[in-house]
mmCIF file of all heavy atoms, coordinates in Angstrom:
data_MODEL
# 
_entry.id   MODEL 
# 
loop_
_atom_site.group_PDB 
_atom_site.id 
_atom_site.type_symbol 
_atom_site.label_atom_id 
_atom_site.label_alt_id 
_atom_site.label_comp_id 
_atom_site.label_asym_id 
_atom_site.label_entity_id 
_atom_site.label_seq_id 
_atom_site.pdbx_PDB_ins_code 
_atom_site.Cartn_x 
_atom_site.Cartn_y 
_atom_site.Cartn_z 
_atom_site.occupancy 
_atom_site.B_iso_or_equiv 
_atom_site.pdbx_formal_charge 
_atom_site.auth_seq_id 
_atom_site.auth_comp_id 
_atom_site.auth_asym_id 
_atom_site.auth_atom_id 
_atom_site.pdbx_PDB_model_num 
ATOM 1   N N   . LEU A 1 1  ? 41.803 1.882  -45.634 1.00 0.00 ? 1  LEU A N   1 
ATOM 2   C CA  . LEU A 1 1  ? 40.410 1.644  -45.297 1.00 0.00 ? 1  LEU A CA  1 
ATOM 3   C C   . LEU A 1 1  ? 40.243 0.806  -44.038 1.00 0.00 ? 1  LEU A C   1 
ATOM 4   O O   . LEU A 1 1  ? 39.238 0.932  -43.325 1.00 0.00 ? 1  LEU A O   1 
ATOM 5   C CB  . LEU A 1 1  ? 39.695 0.955  -46.459 1.00 0.00 ? 1  LEU A CB  1 
ATOM 6   C CG  . LEU A 1 1  ? 39.653 1.731  -47.786 1.00 0.00 ? 1  LEU A CG  1 
ATOM 7   C CD1 . LEU A 1 1  ? 38.916 0.928  -48.842 1.00 0.00 ? 1  LEU A CD1 1 
ATOM 8   C CD2 . LEU A 1 1  ? 39.021 3.102  -47.616 1.00 0.00 ? 1  LEU A CD2 1 
ATOM 9   N N   . THR A 1 2  ? 41.215 -0.053 -43.733 1.00 0.00 ? 2  THR A N   1 
ATOM 10  C CA  . THR A 1 2  ? 41.084 -0.942 -42.578 1.00 0.00 ? 2  THR A CA  1 
ATOM 11  C C   . THR A 1 2  ? 41.153 -0.199 -41.251 1.00 0.00 ? 2  THR A C   1 
ATOM 12  O O   . THR A 1 2  ? 40.851 -0.780 -40.215 1.00 0.00 ? 2  THR A O   1 
ATOM 13  C CB  . THR A 1 2  ? 42.179 -2.023 -42.616 1.00 0.00 ? 2  THR A CB  1 
ATOM 14  O OG1 . THR A 1 2  ? 43.462 -1.392 -42.743 1.00 0.00 ? 2  THR A OG1 1 
ATOM 15  C CG2 . THR A 1 2  ? 41.961 -2.962 -43.784 1.00 0.00 ? 2  THR A CG2 1 
ATOM 16  N N   . GLY A 1 3  ? 41.527 1.073  -41.246 1.00 0.00 ? 3  GLY A N   1 
ATOM 17  C CA  . GLY A 1 3  ? 41.593 1.835  -40.007 1.00 0.00 ? 3  GLY A CA  1 
ATOM 18  C C   . GLY A 1 3  ? 40.438 2.790  -39.804 1.00 0.00 ? 3  GLY A C   1 
ATOM 19  O O   . GLY A 1 3  ? 40.450 3.583  -38.856 1.00 0.00 ? 3  GLY A O   1 
ATOM 20  N N   . LEU A 1 4  ? 39.418 2.725  -40.668 1.00 0.00 ? 4  LEU A N   1 
ATOM 21  C CA  . LEU A 1 4  ? 38.337 3.701  -40.613 1.00 0.00 ? 4  LEU A CA  1 
ATOM 22  C C   . LEU A 1 4  ? 37.117 3.143  -39.881 1.00 0.00 ? 4  LEU A C   1 
ATOM 23  O O   . LEU A 1 4  ? 36.828 1.947  -39.932 1.00 0.00 ? 4  LEU A O   1 
ATOM 24  C CB  . LEU A 1 4  ? 37.921 4.100  -42.034 1.00 0.00 ? 4  LEU A CB  1 
ATOM 25  C CG  . LEU A 1 4  ? 39.007 4.725  -42.915 1.00 0.00 ? 4  LEU A CG  1 
ATOM 26  C CD1 . LEU A 1 4  ? 38.420 5.117  -44.260 1.00 0.00 ? 4  LEU A CD1 1 
ATOM 27  C CD2 . LEU A 1 4  ? 39.659 5.916  -42.245 1.00 0.00 ? 4  LEU A CD2 1 
ATOM 28  N N   . VAL A 1 5  ? 36.388 4.044  -39.209 1.00 0.00 ? 5  VAL A N   1 
ATOM 29  C CA  . VAL A 1 5  ? 35.124 3.670  -38.576 1.00 0.00 ? 5  VAL A CA  1 
ATOM 30  C C   . VAL A 1 5  ? 34.064 3.571  -39.673 1.00 0.00 ? 5  VAL A C   1 
ATOM 31  O O   . VAL A 1 5  ? 34.245 4.084  -40.785 1.00 0.00 ? 5  VAL A O   1 
ATOM 32  C CB  . VAL A 1 5  ? 34.714 4.695  -37.501 1.00 0.00 ? 5  VAL A CB  1 
ATOM 33  C CG1 . VAL A 1 5  ? 35.783 4.777  -36.416 1.00 0.00 ? 5  VAL A CG1 1 
ATOM 34  C CG2 . VAL A 1 5  ? 34.484 6.078  -38.121 1.00 0.00 ? 5  VAL A CG2 1 
ATOM 35  N N   . PRO A 1 6  ? 32.925 2.917  -39.400 1.00 0.00 ? 6  PRO A N   1 
ATOM 36  C CA  . PRO A 1 6  ? 31.928 2.668  -40.461 1.00 0.00 ? 6  PRO A CA  1 
ATOM 37  C C   . PRO A 1 6  ? 31.502 3.899  -41.250 1.00 0.00 ? 6  PRO A C   1 
ATOM 38  O O   . PRO A 1 6  ? 31.395 3.845  -42.480 1.00 0.00 ? 6  PRO A O   1 
ATOM 39  C CB  . PRO A 1 6  ? 30.763 2.040  -39.689 1.00 0.00 ? 6  PRO A CB  1 
ATOM 40  C CG  . PRO A 1 6  ? 31.419 1.342  -38.551 1.00 0.00 ? 6  PRO A CG  1 
ATOM 41  C CD  . PRO A 1 6  ? 32.565 2.216  -38.144 1.00 0.00 ? 6  PRO A CD  1 
ATOM 42  N N   . GLY A 1 7  ? 31.257 5.029  -40.585 1.00 0.00 ? 7  GLY A N   1 
ATOM 43  C CA  . GLY A 1 7  ? 30.832 6.222  -41.310 1.00 0.00 ? 7  GLY A CA  1 
ATOM 44  C C   . GLY A 1 7  ? 31.901 6.735  -42.251 1.00 0.00 ? 7  GLY A C   1 
ATOM 45  O O   . GLY A 1 7  ? 31.615 7.156  -43.389 1.00 0.00 ? 7  GLY A O   1 
ATOM 46  N N   . GLN A 1 8  ? 33.161 6.739  -41.819 1.00 0.00 ? 8  GLN A N   1 
ATOM 47  C CA  . GLN A 1 8  ? 34.256 7.164  -42.680 1.00 0.00 ? 8  GLN A CA  1 
ATOM 48  C C   . GLN A 1 8  ? 34.437 6.204  -43.846 1.00 0.00 ? 8  GLN A C   1 
ATOM 49  O O   . GLN A 1 8  ? 34.695 6.624  -44.979 1.00 0.00 ? 8  GLN A O   1 
ATOM 50  C CB  . GLN A 1 8  ? 35.556 7.236  -41.870 1.00 0.00 ? 8  GLN A CB  1 
ATOM 51  C CG  . GLN A 1 8  ? 35.618 8.329  -40.831 1.00 0.00 ? 8  GLN A CG  1 
ATOM 52  C CD  . GLN A 1 8  ? 36.911 8.232  -40.019 1.00 0.00 ? 8  GLN A CD  1 
ATOM 53  O OE1 . GLN A 1 8  ? 37.276 7.177  -39.506 1.00 0.00 ? 8  GLN A OE1 1 
ATOM 54  N NE2 . GLN A 1 8  ? 37.611 9.346  -39.920 1.00 0.00 ? 8  GLN A NE2 1 
ATOM 55  N N   . LEU A 1 9  ? 34.307 4.912  -43.563 1.00 0.00 ? 9  LEU A N   1 
ATOM 56  C CA  . LEU A 1 9  ? 34.462 3.906  -44.606 1.00 0.00 ? 9  LEU A CA  1 
ATOM 57  C C   . LEU A 1 9  ? 33.420 4.099  -45.701 1.00 0.00 ? 9  LEU A C   1 
ATOM 58  O O   . LEU A 1 9  ? 33.734 4.098  -46.902 1.00 0.00 ? 9  LEU A O   1 
ATOM 59  C CB  . LEU A 1 9  ? 34.333 2.519  -43.978 1.00 0.00 ? 9  LEU A CB  1 
ATOM 60  C CG  . LEU A 1 9  ? 34.700 1.313  -44.826 1.00 0.00 ? 9  LEU A CG  1 
ATOM 61  C CD1 . LEU A 1 9  ? 36.167 1.352  -45.211 1.00 0.00 ? 9  LEU A CD1 1 
ATOM 62  C CD2 . LEU A 1 9  ? 34.387 0.031  -44.059 1.00 0.00 ? 9  LEU A CD2 1 
ATOM 63  N N   . ARG A 1 10 ? 32.177 4.302  -45.291 1.00 0.00 ? 10 ARG A N   1 
ATOM 64  C CA  . ARG A 1 10 ? 31.103 4.517  -46.257 1.00 0.00 ? 10 ARG A CA  1 
ATOM 65  C C   . ARG A 1 10 ? 31.347 5.786  -47.067 1.00 0.00 ? 10 ARG A C   1 
ATOM 66  O O   . ARG A 1 10 ? 31.134 5.817  -48.289 1.00 0.00 ? 10 ARG A O   1 
ATOM 67  C CB  . ARG A 1 10 ? 29.764 4.591  -45.524 1.00 0.00 ? 10 ARG A CB  1 
ATOM 68  C CG  . ARG A 1 10 ? 28.549 4.583  -46.424 1.00 0.00 ? 10 ARG A CG  1 
ATOM 69  C CD  . ARG A 1 10 ? 27.274 4.433  -45.609 1.00 0.00 ? 10 ARG A CD  1 
ATOM 70  N NE  . ARG A 1 10 ? 27.316 3.247  -44.754 1.00 0.00 ? 10 ARG A NE  1 
ATOM 71  C CZ  . ARG A 1 10 ? 27.424 3.286  -43.441 1.00 0.00 ? 10 ARG A CZ  1 
ATOM 72  N NH1 . ARG A 1 10 ? 27.468 4.454  -42.793 1.00 0.00 ? 10 ARG A NH1 1 
ATOM 73  N NH2 . ARG A 1 10 ? 27.462 2.169  -42.734 1.00 0.00 ? 10 ARG A NH2 1 
ATOM 74  N N   . HIS A 1 11 ? 31.805 6.839  -46.414 1.00 0.00 ? 11 HIS A N   1 
ATOM 75  C CA  . HIS A 1 11 ? 32.082 8.097  -47.111 1.00 0.00 ? 11 HIS A CA  1 
ATOM 76  C C   . HIS A 1 11 ? 33.177 7.919  -48.155 1.00 0.00 ? 11 HIS A C   1 
ATOM 77  O O   . HIS A 1 11 ? 33.019 8.339  -49.311 1.00 0.00 ? 11 HIS A O   1 
ATOM 78  C CB  . HIS A 1 11 ? 32.497 9.159  -46.089 1.00 0.00 ? 11 HIS A CB  1 
ATOM 79  C CG  . HIS A 1 11 ? 32.984 10.442 -46.682 1.00 0.00 ? 11 HIS A CG  1 
ATOM 80  N ND1 . HIS A 1 11 ? 32.196 11.230 -47.496 1.00 0.00 ? 11 HIS A ND1 1 
ATOM 81  C CD2 . HIS A 1 11 ? 34.193 11.078 -46.592 1.00 0.00 ? 11 HIS A CD2 1 
ATOM 82  C CE1 . HIS A 1 11 ? 32.885 12.300 -47.888 1.00 0.00 ? 11 HIS A CE1 1 
ATOM 83  N NE2 . HIS A 1 11 ? 34.095 12.220 -47.349 1.00 0.00 ? 11 HIS A NE2 1 
ATOM 84  N N   . GLU A 1 12 ? 34.280 7.276  -47.785 1.00 0.00 ? 12 GLU A N   1 
ATOM 85  C CA  . GLU A 1 12 ? 35.401 7.119  -48.702 1.00 0.00 ? 12 GLU A CA  1 
ATOM 86  C C   . GLU A 1 12 ? 35.039 6.258  -49.908 1.00 0.00 ? 12 GLU A C   1 
ATOM 87  O O   . GLU A 1 12 ? 35.510 6.516  -51.020 1.00 0.00 ? 12 GLU A O   1 
ATOM 88  C CB  . GLU A 1 12 ? 36.596 6.511  -47.962 1.00 0.00 ? 12 GLU A CB  1 
ATOM 89  C CG  . GLU A 1 12 ? 37.370 7.491  -47.108 1.00 0.00 ? 12 GLU A CG  1 
ATOM 90  C CD  . GLU A 1 12 ? 38.117 8.526  -47.941 1.00 0.00 ? 12 GLU A CD  1 
ATOM 91  O OE1 . GLU A 1 12 ? 38.629 8.179  -49.025 1.00 0.00 ? 12 GLU A OE1 1 
ATOM 92  O OE2 . GLU A 1 12 ? 38.179 9.685  -47.497 1.00 0.00 ? 12 GLU A OE2 1 
ATOM 93  N N   . ILE A 1 13 ? 34.226 5.244  -49.708 1.00 0.00 ? 13 ILE A N   1 
ATOM 94  C CA  . ILE A 1 13 ? 33.916 4.309  -50.792 1.00 0.00 ? 13 ILE A CA  1 
ATOM 95  C C   . ILE A 1 13 ? 32.664 4.739  -51.561 1.00 0.00 ? 13 ILE A C   1 
ATOM 96  O O   . ILE A 1 13 ? 32.694 4.909  -52.786 1.00 0.00 ? 13 ILE A O   1 
ATOM 97  C CB  . ILE A 1 13 ? 33.752 2.887  -50.241 1.00 0.00 ? 13 ILE A CB  1 
ATOM 98  C CG1 . ILE A 1 13 ? 35.057 2.416  -49.600 1.00 0.00 ? 13 ILE A CG1 1 
ATOM 99  C CG2 . ILE A 1 13 ? 33.341 1.929  -51.368 1.00 0.00 ? 13 ILE A CG2 1 
ATOM 100 C CD1 . ILE A 1 13 ? 34.941 1.090  -48.870 1.00 0.00 ? 13 ILE A CD1 1 
ATOM 101 N N   . CYS A 1 14 ? 31.558 4.927  -50.861 1.00 0.00 ? 14 CYS A N   1 
ATOM 102 C CA  . CYS A 1 14 ? 30.280 5.195  -51.535 1.00 0.00 ? 14 CYS A CA  1 
ATOM 103 C C   . CYS A 1 14 ? 30.210 6.608  -52.106 1.00 0.00 ? 14 CYS A C   1 
ATOM 104 O O   . CYS A 1 14 ? 29.766 6.809  -53.244 1.00 0.00 ? 14 CYS A O   1 
ATOM 105 C CB  . CYS A 1 14 ? 29.120 4.953  -50.573 1.00 0.00 ? 14 CYS A CB  1 
ATOM 106 S SG  . CYS A 1 14 ? 28.947 3.246  -50.021 1.00 0.00 ? 14 CYS A SG  1 
ATOM 107 N N   . ASP A 1 15 ? 30.615 7.605  -51.321 1.00 0.00 ? 15 ASP A N   1 
ATOM 108 C CA  . ASP A 1 15 ? 30.546 8.980  -51.816 1.00 0.00 ? 15 ASP A CA  1 
ATOM 109 C C   . ASP A 1 15 ? 31.532 9.194  -52.953 1.00 0.00 ? 15 ASP A C   1 
ATOM 110 O O   . ASP A 1 15 ? 31.289 10.014 -53.848 1.00 0.00 ? 15 ASP A O   1 
ATOM 111 C CB  . ASP A 1 15 ? 30.808 9.975  -50.678 1.00 0.00 ? 15 ASP A CB  1 
ATOM 112 C CG  . ASP A 1 15 ? 29.685 9.993  -49.659 1.00 0.00 ? 15 ASP A CG  1 
ATOM 113 O OD1 . ASP A 1 15 ? 28.628 9.395  -49.932 1.00 0.00 ? 15 ASP A OD1 1 
ATOM 114 O OD2 . ASP A 1 15 ? 29.857 10.601 -48.574 1.00 0.00 ? 15 ASP A OD2 1 
ATOM 115 N N   . ASP A 1 16 ? 32.647 8.471  -52.925 1.00 0.00 ? 16 ASP A N   1 
ATOM 116 C CA  . ASP A 1 16 ? 33.584 8.519  -54.039 1.00 0.00 ? 16 ASP A CA  1 
ATOM 117 C C   . ASP A 1 16 ? 32.909 8.019  -55.310 1.00 0.00 ? 16 ASP A C   1 
ATOM 118 O O   . ASP A 1 16 ? 32.984 8.665  -56.367 1.00 0.00 ? 16 ASP A O   1 
ATOM 119 C CB  . ASP A 1 16 ? 34.798 7.647  -53.709 1.00 0.00 ? 16 ASP A CB  1 
ATOM 120 C CG  . ASP A 1 16 ? 35.811 7.567  -54.832 1.00 0.00 ? 16 ASP A CG  1 
ATOM 121 O OD1 . ASP A 1 16 ? 36.367 8.616  -55.201 1.00 0.00 ? 16 ASP A OD1 1 
ATOM 122 O OD2 . ASP A 1 16 ? 36.062 6.464  -55.344 1.00 0.00 ? 16 ASP A OD2 1 
ATOM 123 N N   . ARG A 1 17 ? 32.223 6.884  -55.227 1.00 0.00 ? 17 ARG A N   1 
ATOM 124 C CA  . ARG A 1 17 ? 31.560 6.350  -56.415 1.00 0.00 ? 17 ARG A CA  1 
ATOM 125 C C   . ARG A 1 17 ? 30.463 7.291  -56.910 1.00 0.00 ? 17 ARG A C   1 
ATOM 126 O O   . ARG A 1 17 ? 30.324 7.511  -58.120 1.00 0.00 ? 17 ARG A O   1 
ATOM 127 C CB  . ARG A 1 17 ? 30.971 4.969  -56.122 1.00 0.00 ? 17 ARG A CB  1 
ATOM 128 C CG  . ARG A 1 17 ? 30.411 4.296  -57.377 1.00 0.00 ? 17 ARG A CG  1 
ATOM 129 C CD  . ARG A 1 17 ? 29.992 2.861  -57.127 1.00 0.00 ? 17 ARG A CD  1 
ATOM 130 N NE  . ARG A 1 17 ? 29.742 2.202  -58.407 1.00 0.00 ? 17 ARG A NE  1 
ATOM 131 C CZ  . ARG A 1 17 ? 28.589 1.654  -58.760 1.00 0.00 ? 17 ARG A CZ  1 
ATOM 132 N NH1 . ARG A 1 17 ? 27.555 1.670  -57.919 1.00 0.00 ? 17 ARG A NH1 1 
ATOM 133 N NH2 . ARG A 1 17 ? 28.440 1.075  -59.933 1.00 0.00 ? 17 ARG A NH2 1 
ATOM 134 N N   . THR A 1 18 ? 29.700 7.861  -55.986 1.00 0.00 ? 18 THR A N   1 
ATOM 135 C CA  . THR A 1 18 ? 28.649 8.796  -56.391 1.00 0.00 ? 18 THR A CA  1 
ATOM 136 C C   . THR A 1 18 ? 29.235 9.987  -57.125 1.00 0.00 ? 18 THR A C   1 
ATOM 137 O O   . THR A 1 18 ? 28.686 10.440 -58.142 1.00 0.00 ? 18 THR A O   1 
ATOM 138 C CB  . THR A 1 18 ? 27.863 9.265  -55.158 1.00 0.00 ? 18 THR A CB  1 
ATOM 139 O OG1 . THR A 1 18 ? 27.207 8.143  -54.562 1.00 0.00 ? 18 THR A OG1 1 
ATOM 140 C CG2 . THR A 1 18 ? 26.809 10.295 -55.545 1.00 0.00 ? 18 THR A CG2 1 
ATOM 141 N N   . SER A 1 19 ? 30.367 10.523 -56.647 1.00 0.00 ? 19 SER A N   1 
ATOM 142 C CA  . SER A 1 19 ? 31.014 11.651 -57.320 1.00 0.00 ? 19 SER A CA  1 
ATOM 143 C C   . SER A 1 19 ? 31.413 11.287 -58.742 1.00 0.00 ? 19 SER A C   1 
ATOM 144 O O   . SER A 1 19 ? 31.245 12.090 -59.671 1.00 0.00 ? 19 SER A O   1 
ATOM 145 C CB  . SER A 1 19 ? 32.238 12.097 -56.528 1.00 0.00 ? 19 SER A CB  1 
ATOM 146 O OG  . SER A 1 19 ? 31.874 12.616 -55.275 1.00 0.00 ? 19 SER A OG  1 
ATOM 147 N N   . LEU A 1 20 ? 31.937 10.092 -58.927 1.00 0.00 ? 20 LEU A N   1 
ATOM 148 C CA  . LEU A 1 20 ? 32.351 9.658  -60.257 1.00 0.00 ? 20 LEU A CA  1 
ATOM 149 C C   . LEU A 1 20 ? 31.146 9.449  -61.164 1.00 0.00 ? 20 LEU A C   1 
ATOM 150 O O   . LEU A 1 20 ? 31.150 9.860  -62.331 1.00 0.00 ? 20 LEU A O   1 
ATOM 151 C CB  . LEU A 1 20 ? 33.178 8.380  -60.145 1.00 0.00 ? 20 LEU A CB  1 
ATOM 152 C CG  . LEU A 1 20 ? 34.503 8.506  -59.391 1.00 0.00 ? 20 LEU A CG  1 
ATOM 153 C CD1 . LEU A 1 20 ? 35.102 7.138  -59.104 1.00 0.00 ? 20 LEU A CD1 1 
ATOM 154 C CD2 . LEU A 1 20 ? 35.494 9.358  -60.167 1.00 0.00 ? 20 LEU A CD2 1 
ATOM 155 N N   . LEU A 1 21 ? 30.096 8.817  -60.640 1.00 0.00 ? 21 LEU A N   1 
ATOM 156 C CA  . LEU A 1 21 ? 28.885 8.611  -61.440 1.00 0.00 ? 21 LEU A CA  1 
ATOM 157 C C   . LEU A 1 21 ? 28.257 9.942  -61.835 1.00 0.00 ? 21 LEU A C   1 
ATOM 158 O O   . LEU A 1 21 ? 27.774 10.099 -62.971 1.00 0.00 ? 21 LEU A O   1 
ATOM 159 C CB  . LEU A 1 21 ? 27.872 7.770  -60.655 1.00 0.00 ? 21 LEU A CB  1 
ATOM 160 C CG  . LEU A 1 21 ? 28.242 6.315  -60.360 1.00 0.00 ? 21 LEU A CG  1 
ATOM 161 C CD1 . LEU A 1 21 ? 27.186 5.679  -59.479 1.00 0.00 ? 21 LEU A CD1 1 
ATOM 162 C CD2 . LEU A 1 21 ? 28.410 5.519  -61.649 1.00 0.00 ? 21 LEU A CD2 1 
ATOM 163 N N   . ASP A 1 22 ? 28.264 10.896 -60.918 1.00 0.00 ? 22 ASP A N   1 
ATOM 164 C CA  . ASP A 1 22 ? 27.657 12.202 -61.203 1.00 0.00 ? 22 ASP A CA  1 
ATOM 165 C C   . ASP A 1 22 ? 28.422 12.975 -62.266 1.00 0.00 ? 22 ASP A C   1 
ATOM 166 O O   . ASP A 1 22 ? 27.915 13.979 -62.786 1.00 0.00 ? 22 ASP A O   1 
ATOM 167 C CB  . ASP A 1 22 ? 27.576 13.042 -59.922 1.00 0.00 ? 22 ASP A CB  1 
ATOM 168 C CG  . ASP A 1 22 ? 26.452 12.583 -59.001 1.00 0.00 ? 22 ASP A CG  1 
ATOM 169 O OD1 . ASP A 1 22 ? 25.624 11.753 -59.431 1.00 0.00 ? 22 ASP A OD1 1 
ATOM 170 O OD2 . ASP A 1 22 ? 26.396 13.059 -57.855 1.00 0.00 ? 22 ASP A OD2 1 
ATOM 171 N N   . GLN A 1 23 ? 29.635 12.543 -62.594 1.00 0.00 ? 23 GLN A N   1 
ATOM 172 C CA  . GLN A 1 23 ? 30.401 13.162 -63.680 1.00 0.00 ? 23 GLN A CA  1 
ATOM 173 C C   . GLN A 1 23 ? 30.250 12.404 -64.994 1.00 0.00 ? 23 GLN A C   1 
ATOM 174 O O   . GLN A 1 23 ? 30.935 12.691 -65.969 1.00 0.00 ? 23 GLN A O   1 
ATOM 175 C CB  . GLN A 1 23 ? 31.880 13.229 -63.291 1.00 0.00 ? 23 GLN A CB  1 
ATOM 176 C CG  . GLN A 1 23 ? 32.183 14.193 -62.164 1.00 0.00 ? 23 GLN A CG  1 
ATOM 177 C CD  . GLN A 1 23 ? 31.958 15.640 -62.556 1.00 0.00 ? 23 GLN A CD  1 
ATOM 178 O OE1 . GLN A 1 23 ? 32.121 16.019 -63.729 1.00 0.00 ? 23 GLN A OE1 1 
ATOM 179 N NE2 . GLN A 1 23 ? 31.595 16.475 -61.596 1.00 0.00 ? 23 GLN A NE2 1 
ATOM 180 N N   . GLY A 1 24 ? 29.331 11.418 -65.018 1.00 0.00 ? 24 GLY A N   1 
ATOM 181 C CA  . GLY A 1 24 ? 29.111 10.670 -66.247 1.00 0.00 ? 24 GLY A CA  1 
ATOM 182 C C   . GLY A 1 24 ? 30.120 9.570  -66.488 1.00 0.00 ? 24 GLY A C   1 
ATOM 183 O O   . GLY A 1 24 ? 30.296 9.122  -67.623 1.00 0.00 ? 24 GLY A O   1 
ATOM 184 N N   . LEU A 1 25 ? 30.771 9.101  -65.416 1.00 0.00 ? 25 LEU A N   1 
ATOM 185 C CA  . LEU A 1 25 ? 31.784 8.057  -65.534 1.00 0.00 ? 25 LEU A CA  1 
ATOM 186 C C   . LEU A 1 25 ? 31.179 6.712  -65.141 1.00 0.00 ? 25 LEU A C   1 
ATOM 187 O O   . LEU A 1 25 ? 30.551 6.581  -64.088 1.00 0.00 ? 25 LEU A O   1 
ATOM 188 C CB  . LEU A 1 25 ? 32.988 8.394  -64.649 1.00 0.00 ? 25 LEU A CB  1 
ATOM 189 C CG  . LEU A 1 25 ? 33.653 9.728  -65.019 1.00 0.00 ? 25 LEU A CG  1 
ATOM 190 C CD1 . LEU A 1 25 ? 34.674 10.141 -63.969 1.00 0.00 ? 25 LEU A CD1 1 
ATOM 191 C CD2 . LEU A 1 25 ? 34.300 9.647  -66.404 1.00 0.00 ? 25 LEU A CD2 1 
ATOM 192 N N   . GLU A 1 26 ? 31.365 5.720  -65.979 1.00 0.00 ? 26 GLU A N   1 
ATOM 193 C CA  . GLU A 1 26 ? 30.737 4.404  -65.833 1.00 0.00 ? 26 GLU A CA  1 
ATOM 194 C C   . GLU A 1 26 ? 31.609 3.547  -64.917 1.00 0.00 ? 26 GLU A C   1 
ATOM 195 O O   . GLU A 1 26 ? 32.480 2.811  -65.371 1.00 0.00 ? 26 GLU A O   1 
ATOM 196 C CB  . GLU A 1 26 ? 30.602 3.770  -67.219 1.00 0.00 ? 26 GLU A CB  1 
ATOM 197 C CG  . GLU A 1 26 ? 29.770 2.523  -67.281 1.00 0.00 ? 26 GLU A CG  1 
ATOM 198 C CD  . GLU A 1 26 ? 29.629 2.031  -68.715 1.00 0.00 ? 26 GLU A CD  1 
ATOM 199 O OE1 . GLU A 1 26 ? 30.024 2.757  -69.640 1.00 0.00 ? 26 GLU A OE1 1 
ATOM 200 O OE2 . GLU A 1 26 ? 29.127 0.911  -68.887 1.00 0.00 ? 26 GLU A OE2 1 
ATOM 201 N N   . VAL A 1 27 ? 31.385 3.639  -63.611 1.00 0.00 ? 27 VAL A N   1 
ATOM 202 C CA  . VAL A 1 27 ? 32.300 3.094  -62.596 1.00 0.00 ? 27 VAL A CA  1 
ATOM 203 C C   . VAL A 1 27 ? 31.730 1.810  -61.999 1.00 0.00 ? 27 VAL A C   1 
ATOM 204 O O   . VAL A 1 27 ? 30.725 1.827  -61.298 1.00 0.00 ? 27 VAL A O   1 
ATOM 205 C CB  . VAL A 1 27 ? 32.524 4.142  -61.472 1.00 0.00 ? 27 VAL A CB  1 
ATOM 206 C CG1 . VAL A 1 27 ? 33.502 3.609  -60.439 1.00 0.00 ? 27 VAL A CG1 1 
ATOM 207 C CG2 . VAL A 1 27 ? 33.052 5.435  -62.071 1.00 0.00 ? 27 VAL A CG2 1 
# 
């Protein structure tokens, strides 16, 4: 994560969490 630009960082972290939440996982 320390090598990513802001947009990539947000995608890797936030979109990952959204994908997990959308599957009914309490993350």
